Amino acid sequence: MPIYHIVLFKLKPGTTPEQLGEWETLARGMVGKIPGLVKYEANTPLPSTAHRSQGYNMGLIAILEKAGDVKVFAEHPAHLE
């Protein structure tokens, strides 16, 4: 059964689209490097629902093969980078 690891962020004021692009490129590059990481998605809230975001302006979902892969993901050098 897949595990959905969901994280919400409050980005620092002044974070640029270029910085987000660099971060997303690094993050997407983890798929295939980290054992058990099947898929990675990140995005900002939809304009139609942003008013309910409670200040969070970025979210990600990492889909992992099994529960034990969360620890592998968290400690892997590609994730720590």
PDB file of N, CA and C in Angstrom:
ATOM      1  N   MET A   1       0.846  -1.176   0.000  1.00  0.00           N
ATOM      2  CA  MET A   1       0.000   0.000   0.000  1.00  0.00           C
ATOM      3  C   MET A   1       0.893   1.241   0.000  1.00  0.00           C
ATOM      4  N   PRO A   2       0.693   2.178  -0.923  1.00  0.00           N
ATOM      5  CA  PRO A   2       1.539   3.372  -0.967  1.00  0.00           C
ATOM      6  C   PRO A   2       1.318   4.265   0.245  1.00  0.00           C
ATOM      7  N   ILE A   3       2.344   5.001   0.581  1.00  0.00           N
ATOM      8  CA  ILE A   3       2.324   5.971   1.678  1.00  0.00           C
ATOM      9  C   ILE A   3       2.400   7.363   1.066  1.00  0.00           C
ATOM     10  N   TYR A   4       1.514   8.247   1.498  1.00  0.00           N
ATOM     11  CA  TYR A   4       1.493   9.624   1.015  1.00  0.00           C
ATOM     12  C   TYR A   4       2.045  10.522   2.118  1.00  0.00           C
ATOM     13  N   HIS A   5       3.236  11.024   1.904  1.00  0.00           N
ATOM     14  CA  HIS A   5       3.908  11.928   2.847  1.00  0.00           C
ATOM     15  C   HIS A   5       3.584  13.344   2.390  1.00  0.00           C
ATOM     16  N   ILE A   6       2.792  14.072   3.190  1.00  0.00           N
ATOM     17  CA  ILE A   6       2.302  15.393   2.810  1.00  0.00           C
ATOM     18  C   ILE A   6       2.935  16.440   3.716  1.00  0.00           C
ATOM     19  N   VAL A   7       3.469  17.505   3.102  1.00  0.00           N
ATOM     20  CA  VAL A   7       4.114  18.583   3.844  1.00  0.00           C
ATOM     21  C   VAL A   7       3.581  19.910   3.330  1.00  0.00           C
ATOM     22  N   LEU A   8       3.252  20.816   4.257  1.00  0.00           N
ATOM     23  CA  LEU A   8       2.829  22.169   3.910  1.00  0.00           C
ATOM     24  C   LEU A   8       3.902  23.144   4.361  1.00  0.00           C
ATOM     25  N   PHE A   9       4.118  24.188   3.565  1.00  0.00           N
ATOM     26  CA  PHE A   9       5.146  25.189   3.844  1.00  0.00           C
ATOM     27  C   PHE A   9       4.557  26.584   3.884  1.00  0.00           C
ATOM     28  N   LYS A  10       5.203  27.434   4.677  1.00  0.00           N
ATOM     29  CA  LYS A  10       4.988  28.873   4.620  1.00  0.00           C
ATOM     30  C   LYS A  10       6.316  29.439   4.132  1.00  0.00           C
ATOM     31  N   LEU A  11       6.343  29.829   2.868  1.00  0.00           N
ATOM     32  CA  LEU A  11       7.578  30.330   2.269  1.00  0.00           C
ATOM     33  C   LEU A  11       7.963  31.674   2.872  1.00  0.00           C
ATOM     34  N   LYS A  12       9.253  31.929   2.933  1.00  0.00           N
ATOM     35  CA  LYS A  12       9.735  33.210   3.430  1.00  0.00           C
ATOM     36  C   LYS A  12       9.332  34.311   2.462  1.00  0.00           C
ATOM     37  N   PRO A  13       8.974  35.478   2.997  1.00  0.00           N
ATOM     38  CA  PRO A  13       8.679  36.605   2.106  1.00  0.00           C
ATOM     39  C   PRO A  13       9.878  36.887   1.206  1.00  0.00           C
ATOM     40  N   GLY A  14       9.606  37.186  -0.031  1.00  0.00           N
ATOM     41  CA  GLY A  14      10.680  37.475  -0.975  1.00  0.00           C
ATOM     42  C   GLY A  14      11.212  36.269  -1.714  1.00  0.00           C
ATOM     43  N   THR A  15      10.685  35.079  -1.437  1.00  0.00           N
ATOM     44  CA  THR A  15      11.104  33.900  -2.187  1.00  0.00           C
ATOM     45  C   THR A  15      10.738  34.113  -3.651  1.00  0.00           C
ATOM     46  N   THR A  16      11.709  33.965  -4.524  1.00  0.00           N
ATOM     47  CA  THR A  16      11.491  34.261  -5.940  1.00  0.00           C
ATOM     48  C   THR A  16      11.030  33.024  -6.704  1.00  0.00           C
ATOM     49  N   PRO A  17      10.375  33.226  -7.835  1.00  0.00           N
ATOM     50  CA  PRO A  17      10.020  32.084  -8.686  1.00  0.00           C
ATOM     51  C   PRO A  17      11.243  31.279  -9.111  1.00  0.00           C
ATOM     52  N   GLU A  18      12.376  31.958  -9.284  1.00  0.00           N
ATOM     53  CA  GLU A  18      13.609  31.259  -9.667  1.00  0.00           C
ATOM     54  C   GLU A  18      14.063  30.321  -8.550  1.00  0.00           C
ATOM     55  N   GLN A  19      13.985  30.792  -7.312  1.00  0.00           N
ATOM     56  CA  GLN A  19      14.365  29.946  -6.179  1.00  0.00           C
ATOM     57  C   GLN A  19      13.442  28.738  -6.075  1.00  0.00           C
ATOM     58  N   LEU A  20      12.157  28.963  -6.257  1.00  0.00           N
ATOM     59  CA  LEU A  20      11.206  27.851  -6.227  1.00  0.00           C
ATOM     60  C   LEU A  20      11.487  26.862  -7.347  1.00  0.00           C
ATOM     61  N   GLY A  21      11.829  27.360  -8.522  1.00  0.00           N
ATOM     62  CA  GLY A  21      12.150  26.490  -9.645  1.00  0.00           C
ATOM     63  C   GLY A  21      13.367  25.625  -9.367  1.00  0.00           C
ATOM     64  N   GLU A  22      14.405  26.225  -8.778  1.00  0.00           N
ATOM     65  CA  GLU A  22      15.614  25.468  -8.433  1.00  0.00           C
ATOM     66  C   GLU A  22      15.296  24.393  -7.403  1.00  0.00           C
ATOM     67  N   TRP A  23      14.505  24.760  -6.398  1.00  0.00           N
ATOM     68  CA  TRP A  23      14.129  23.809  -5.350  1.00  0.00           C
ATOM     69  C   TRP A  23      13.313  22.667  -5.942  1.00  0.00           C
ATOM     70  N   GLU A  24      12.375  22.994  -6.805  1.00  0.00           N
ATOM     71  CA  GLU A  24      11.530  21.956  -7.392  1.00  0.00           C
ATOM     72  C   GLU A  24      12.337  21.015  -8.282  1.00  0.00           C
ATOM     73  N   THR A  25      13.302  21.554  -9.023  1.00  0.00           N
ATOM     74  CA  THR A  25      14.154  20.709  -9.863  1.00  0.00           C
ATOM     75  C   THR A  25      14.941  19.725  -8.996  1.00  0.00           C
ATOM     76  N   LEU A  26      15.517  20.215  -7.905  1.00  0.00           N
ATOM     77  CA  LEU A  26      16.247  19.331  -6.987  1.00  0.00           C
ATOM     78  C   LEU A  26      15.318  18.279  -6.388  1.00  0.00           C
ATOM     79  N   ALA A  27      14.131  18.730  -5.980  1.00  0.00           N
ATOM     80  CA  ALA A  27      13.190  17.812  -5.337  1.00  0.00           C
ATOM     81  C   ALA A  27      12.708  16.737  -6.305  1.00  0.00           C
ATOM     82  N   ARG A  28      12.356  17.110  -7.507  1.00  0.00           N
ATOM     83  CA  ARG A  28      11.904  16.121  -8.491  1.00  0.00           C
ATOM     84  C   ARG A  28      13.034  15.153  -8.845  1.00  0.00           C
ATOM     85  N   GLY A  29      14.262  15.608  -8.751  1.00  0.00           N
ATOM     86  CA  GLY A  29      15.412  14.757  -9.033  1.00  0.00           C
ATOM     87  C   GLY A  29      15.618  13.663  -8.006  1.00  0.00           C
ATOM     88  N   MET A  30      14.917  13.753  -6.870  1.00  0.00           N
ATOM     89  CA  MET A  30      15.050  12.710  -5.846  1.00  0.00           C
ATOM     90  C   MET A  30      14.410  11.397  -6.294  1.00  0.00           C
ATOM     91  N   VAL A  31      13.391  11.483  -7.162  1.00  0.00           N
ATOM     92  CA  VAL A  31      12.734  10.268  -7.662  1.00  0.00           C
ATOM     93  C   VAL A  31      13.762   9.496  -8.497  1.00  0.00           C
ATOM     94  N   GLY A  32      13.965   8.254  -8.162  1.00  0.00           N
ATOM     95  CA  GLY A  32      14.974   7.440  -8.834  1.00  0.00           C
ATOM     96  C   GLY A  32      16.284   7.389  -8.080  1.00  0.00           C
ATOM     97  N   LYS A  33      16.513   8.365  -7.194  1.00  0.00           N
ATOM     98  CA  LYS A  33      17.719   8.356  -6.365  1.00  0.00           C
ATOM     99  C   LYS A  33      17.440   7.775  -4.984  1.00  0.00           C
ATOM    100  N   ILE A  34      16.254   8.052  -4.460  1.00  0.00           N
ATOM    101  CA  ILE A  34      15.913   7.610  -3.111  1.00  0.00           C
ATOM    102  C   ILE A  34      15.077   6.338  -3.209  1.00  0.00           C
ATOM    103  N   PRO A  35      15.579   5.244  -2.645  1.00  0.00           N
ATOM    104  CA  PRO A  35      14.826   3.992  -2.696  1.00  0.00           C
ATOM    105  C   PRO A  35      13.435   4.154  -2.083  1.00  0.00           C
ATOM    106  N   GLY A  36      12.432   3.664  -2.784  1.00  0.00           N
ATOM    107  CA  GLY A  36      11.067   3.704  -2.290  1.00  0.00           C
ATOM    108  C   GLY A  36      10.277   4.931  -2.683  1.00  0.00           C
ATOM    109  N   LEU A  37      10.947   5.992  -3.142  1.00  0.00           N
ATOM    110  CA  LEU A  37      10.244   7.205  -3.571  1.00  0.00           C
ATOM    111  C   LEU A  37       9.736   6.990  -4.991  1.00  0.00           C
ATOM    112  N   VAL A  38       8.414   6.919  -5.120  1.00  0.00           N
ATOM    113  CA  VAL A  38       7.781   6.602  -6.395  1.00  0.00           C
ATOM    114  C   VAL A  38       7.451   7.854  -7.193  1.00  0.00           C
ATOM    115  N   LYS A  39       6.957   8.889  -6.494  1.00  0.00           N
ATOM    116  CA  LYS A  39       6.509  10.090  -7.179  1.00  0.00           C
ATOM    117  C   LYS A  39       6.591  11.273  -6.228  1.00  0.00           C
ATOM    118  N   TYR A  40       6.778  12.459  -6.800  1.00  0.00           N
ATOM    119  CA  TYR A  40       6.875  13.684  -6.024  1.00  0.00           C
ATOM    120  C   TYR A  40       6.113  14.777  -6.761  1.00  0.00           C
ATOM    121  N   GLU A  41       5.265  15.488  -6.046  1.00  0.00           N
ATOM    122  CA  GLU A  41       4.526  16.609  -6.623  1.00  0.00           C
ATOM    123  C   GLU A  41       4.552  17.769  -5.642  1.00  0.00           C
ATOM    124  N   ALA A  42       4.648  18.995  -6.156  1.00  0.00           N
ATOM    125  CA  ALA A  42       4.598  20.195  -5.321  1.00  0.00           C
ATOM    126  C   ALA A  42       3.889  21.295  -6.089  1.00  0.00           C
ATOM    127  N   ASN A  43       3.201  22.149  -5.339  1.00  0.00           N
ATOM    128  CA  ASN A  43       2.516  23.256  -5.986  1.00  0.00           C
ATOM    129  C   ASN A  43       2.016  24.238  -4.943  1.00  0.00           C
ATOM    130  N   THR A  44       1.525  25.368  -5.424  1.00  0.00           N
ATOM    131  CA  THR A  44       0.922  26.393  -4.583  1.00  0.00           C
ATOM    132  C   THR A  44      -0.594  26.166  -4.547  1.00  0.00           C
ATOM    133  N   PRO A  45      -1.292  26.807  -3.597  1.00  0.00           N
ATOM    134  CA  PRO A  45      -2.746  26.632  -3.539  1.00  0.00           C
ATOM    135  C   PRO A  45      -3.431  27.175  -4.794  1.00  0.00           C
ATOM    136  N   LEU A  46      -4.560  26.595  -5.113  1.00  0.00           N
ATOM    137  CA  LEU A  46      -5.370  27.119  -6.201  1.00  0.00           C
ATOM    138  C   LEU A  46      -5.905  28.495  -5.806  1.00  0.00           C
ATOM    139  N   PRO A  47      -5.978  29.426  -6.748  1.00  0.00           N
ATOM    140  CA  PRO A  47      -6.525  30.745  -6.408  1.00  0.00           C
ATOM    141  C   PRO A  47      -7.918  30.659  -5.775  1.00  0.00           C
ATOM    142  N   SER A  48      -8.719  29.693  -6.201  1.00  0.00           N
ATOM    143  CA  SER A  48     -10.083  29.574  -5.679  1.00  0.00           C
ATOM    144  C   SER A  48     -10.137  29.077  -4.228  1.00  0.00           C
ATOM    145  N   THR A  49      -9.056  28.496  -3.732  1.00  0.00           N
ATOM    146  CA  THR A  49      -9.048  27.983  -2.359  1.00  0.00           C
ATOM    147  C   THR A  49      -7.971  28.626  -1.485  1.00  0.00           C
ATOM    148  N   ALA A  50      -7.178  29.527  -2.039  1.00  0.00           N
ATOM    149  CA  ALA A  50      -6.061  30.129  -1.298  1.00  0.00           C
ATOM    150  C   ALA A  50      -6.525  30.848  -0.031  1.00  0.00           C
ATOM    151  N   HIS A  51      -7.723  31.368  -0.021  1.00  0.00           N
ATOM    152  CA  HIS A  51      -8.222  32.079   1.155  1.00  0.00           C
ATOM    153  C   HIS A  51      -8.394  31.156   2.368  1.00  0.00           C
ATOM    154  N   ARG A  52      -8.386  29.845   2.150  1.00  0.00           N
ATOM    155  CA  ARG A  52      -8.502  28.879   3.245  1.00  0.00           C
ATOM    156  C   ARG A  52      -7.167  28.241   3.613  1.00  0.00           C
ATOM    157  N   SER A  53      -6.082  28.720   3.055  1.00  0.00           N
ATOM    158  CA  SER A  53      -4.787  28.052   3.214  1.00  0.00           C
ATOM    159  C   SER A  53      -4.103  28.320   4.549  1.00  0.00           C
ATOM    160  N   GLN A  54      -4.649  29.193   5.376  1.00  0.00           N
ATOM    161  CA  GLN A  54      -4.103  29.497   6.701  1.00  0.00           C
ATOM    162  C   GLN A  54      -2.641  29.916   6.650  1.00  0.00           C
ATOM    163  N   GLY A  55      -2.260  30.604   5.595  1.00  0.00           N
ATOM    164  CA  GLY A  55      -0.891  31.108   5.476  1.00  0.00           C
ATOM    165  C   GLY A  55       0.080  30.166   4.781  1.00  0.00           C
ATOM    166  N   TYR A  56      -0.327  28.926   4.552  1.00  0.00           N
ATOM    167  CA  TYR A  56       0.545  27.991   3.837  1.00  0.00           C
ATOM    168  C   TYR A  56       0.453  28.310   2.351  1.00  0.00           C
ATOM    169  N   ASN A  57       1.601  28.427   1.713  1.00  0.00           N
ATOM    170  CA  ASN A  57       1.590  28.798   0.305  1.00  0.00           C
ATOM    171  C   ASN A  57       2.355  27.831  -0.596  1.00  0.00           C
ATOM    172  N   MET A  58       2.670  26.659  -0.065  1.00  0.00           N
ATOM    173  CA  MET A  58       3.307  25.612  -0.858  1.00  0.00           C
ATOM    174  C   MET A  58       3.013  24.285  -0.178  1.00  0.00           C
ATOM    175  N   GLY A  59       2.742  23.286  -0.976  1.00  0.00           N
ATOM    176  CA  GLY A  59       2.532  21.955  -0.436  1.00  0.00           C
ATOM    177  C   GLY A  59       3.202  20.924  -1.317  1.00  0.00           C
ATOM    178  N   LEU A  60       3.557  19.795  -0.722  1.00  0.00           N
ATOM    179  CA  LEU A  60       4.149  18.719  -1.513  1.00  0.00           C
ATOM    180  C   LEU A  60       3.584  17.388  -1.060  1.00  0.00           C
ATOM    181  N   ILE A  61       3.598  16.457  -1.982  1.00  0.00           N
ATOM    182  CA  ILE A  61       3.226  15.076  -1.708  1.00  0.00           C
ATOM    183  C   ILE A  61       4.340  14.194  -2.252  1.00  0.00           C
ATOM    184  N   ALA A  62       4.909  13.399  -1.364  1.00  0.00           N
ATOM    185  CA  ALA A  62       5.892  12.394  -1.765  1.00  0.00           C
ATOM    186  C   ALA A  62       5.201  11.043  -1.614  1.00  0.00           C
ATOM    187  N   ILE A  63       5.124  10.293  -2.690  1.00  0.00           N
ATOM    188  CA  ILE A  63       4.488   8.978  -2.651  1.00  0.00           C
ATOM    189  C   ILE A  63       5.587   7.930  -2.528  1.00  0.00           C
ATOM    190  N   LEU A  64       5.486   7.141  -1.466  1.00  0.00           N
ATOM    191  CA  LEU A  64       6.489   6.135  -1.150  1.00  0.00           C
ATOM    192  C   LEU A  64       5.855   4.748  -1.200  1.00  0.00           C
ATOM    193  N   GLU A  65       6.680   3.736  -1.424  1.00  0.00           N
ATOM    194  CA  GLU A  65       6.175   2.374  -1.573  1.00  0.00           C
ATOM    195  C   GLU A  65       5.593   1.796  -0.286  1.00  0.00           C
ATOM    196  N   LYS A  66       6.267   2.038   0.847  1.00  0.00           N
ATOM    197  CA  LYS A  66       5.821   1.449   2.116  1.00  0.00           C
ATOM    198  C   LYS A  66       6.235   2.353   3.273  1.00  0.00           C
ATOM    199  N   ALA A  67       5.663   2.097   4.448  1.00  0.00           N
ATOM    200  CA  ALA A  67       5.891   2.954   5.612  1.00  0.00           C
ATOM    201  C   ALA A  67       7.376   3.106   5.961  1.00  0.00           C
ATOM    202  N   GLY A  68       8.137   2.041   5.861  1.00  0.00           N
ATOM    203  CA  GLY A  68       9.559   2.106   6.192  1.00  0.00           C
ATOM    204  C   GLY A  68      10.356   3.026   5.285  1.00  0.00           C
ATOM    205  N   ASP A  69       9.815   3.322   4.114  1.00  0.00           N
ATOM    206  CA  ASP A  69      10.523   4.197   3.182  1.00  0.00           C
ATOM    207  C   ASP A  69      10.522   5.662   3.621  1.00  0.00           C
ATOM    208  N   VAL A  70       9.634   6.033   4.547  1.00  0.00           N
ATOM    209  CA  VAL A  70       9.605   7.418   5.032  1.00  0.00           C
ATOM    210  C   VAL A  70      10.921   7.735   5.733  1.00  0.00           C
ATOM    211  N   LYS A  71      11.418   6.815   6.557  1.00  0.00           N
ATOM    212  CA  LYS A  71      12.687   7.018   7.263  1.00  0.00           C
ATOM    213  C   LYS A  71      13.842   7.088   6.263  1.00  0.00           C
ATOM    214  N   VAL A  72      13.838   6.216   5.274  1.00  0.00           N
ATOM    215  CA  VAL A  72      14.878   6.222   4.236  1.00  0.00           C
ATOM    216  C   VAL A  72      14.869   7.565   3.512  1.00  0.00           C
ATOM    217  N   PHE A  73      13.685   8.025   3.152  1.00  0.00           N
ATOM    218  CA  PHE A  73      13.508   9.311   2.471  1.00  0.00           C
ATOM    219  C   PHE A  73      14.052  10.454   3.330  1.00  0.00           C
ATOM    220  N   ALA A  74      13.668  10.482   4.610  1.00  0.00           N
ATOM    221  CA  ALA A  74      14.055  11.581   5.501  1.00  0.00           C
ATOM    222  C   ALA A  74      15.565  11.666   5.715  1.00  0.00           C
ATOM    223  N   GLU A  75      16.248  10.534   5.685  1.00  0.00           N
ATOM    224  CA  GLU A  75      17.683  10.505   5.993  1.00  0.00           C
ATOM    225  C   GLU A  75      18.577  10.457   4.765  1.00  0.00           C
ATOM    226  N   HIS A  76      17.995  10.346   3.591  1.00  0.00           N
ATOM    227  CA  HIS A  76      18.802  10.199   2.374  1.00  0.00           C
ATOM    228  C   HIS A  76      19.520  11.520   2.044  1.00  0.00           C
ATOM    229  N   PRO A  77      20.803  11.454   1.619  1.00  0.00           N
ATOM    230  CA  PRO A  77      21.547  12.668   1.283  1.00  0.00           C
ATOM    231  C   PRO A  77      20.868  13.556   0.234  1.00  0.00           C
ATOM    232  N   ALA A  78      20.177  12.966  -0.742  1.00  0.00           N
ATOM    233  CA  ALA A  78      19.496  13.772  -1.758  1.00  0.00           C
ATOM    234  C   ALA A  78      18.366  14.587  -1.133  1.00  0.00           C
ATOM    235  N   HIS A  79      17.708  14.057  -0.124  1.00  0.00           N
ATOM    236  CA  HIS A  79      16.647  14.794   0.570  1.00  0.00           C
ATOM    237  C   HIS A  79      17.244  15.856   1.477  1.00  0.00           C
ATOM    238  N   LEU A  80      18.319  15.535   2.148  1.00  0.00           N
ATOM    239  CA  LEU A  80      18.944  16.491   3.059  1.00  0.00           C
ATOM    240  C   LEU A  80      19.527  17.697   2.323  1.00  0.00           C
ATOM    241  N   GLU A  81      19.899  17.483   1.059  1.00  0.00           N
ATOM    242  CA  GLU A  81      20.428  18.594   0.254  1.00  0.00           C
ATOM    243  C   GLU A  81      19.364  19.663   0.089  1.00  0.00           C
TER     244      GLU A  81
END
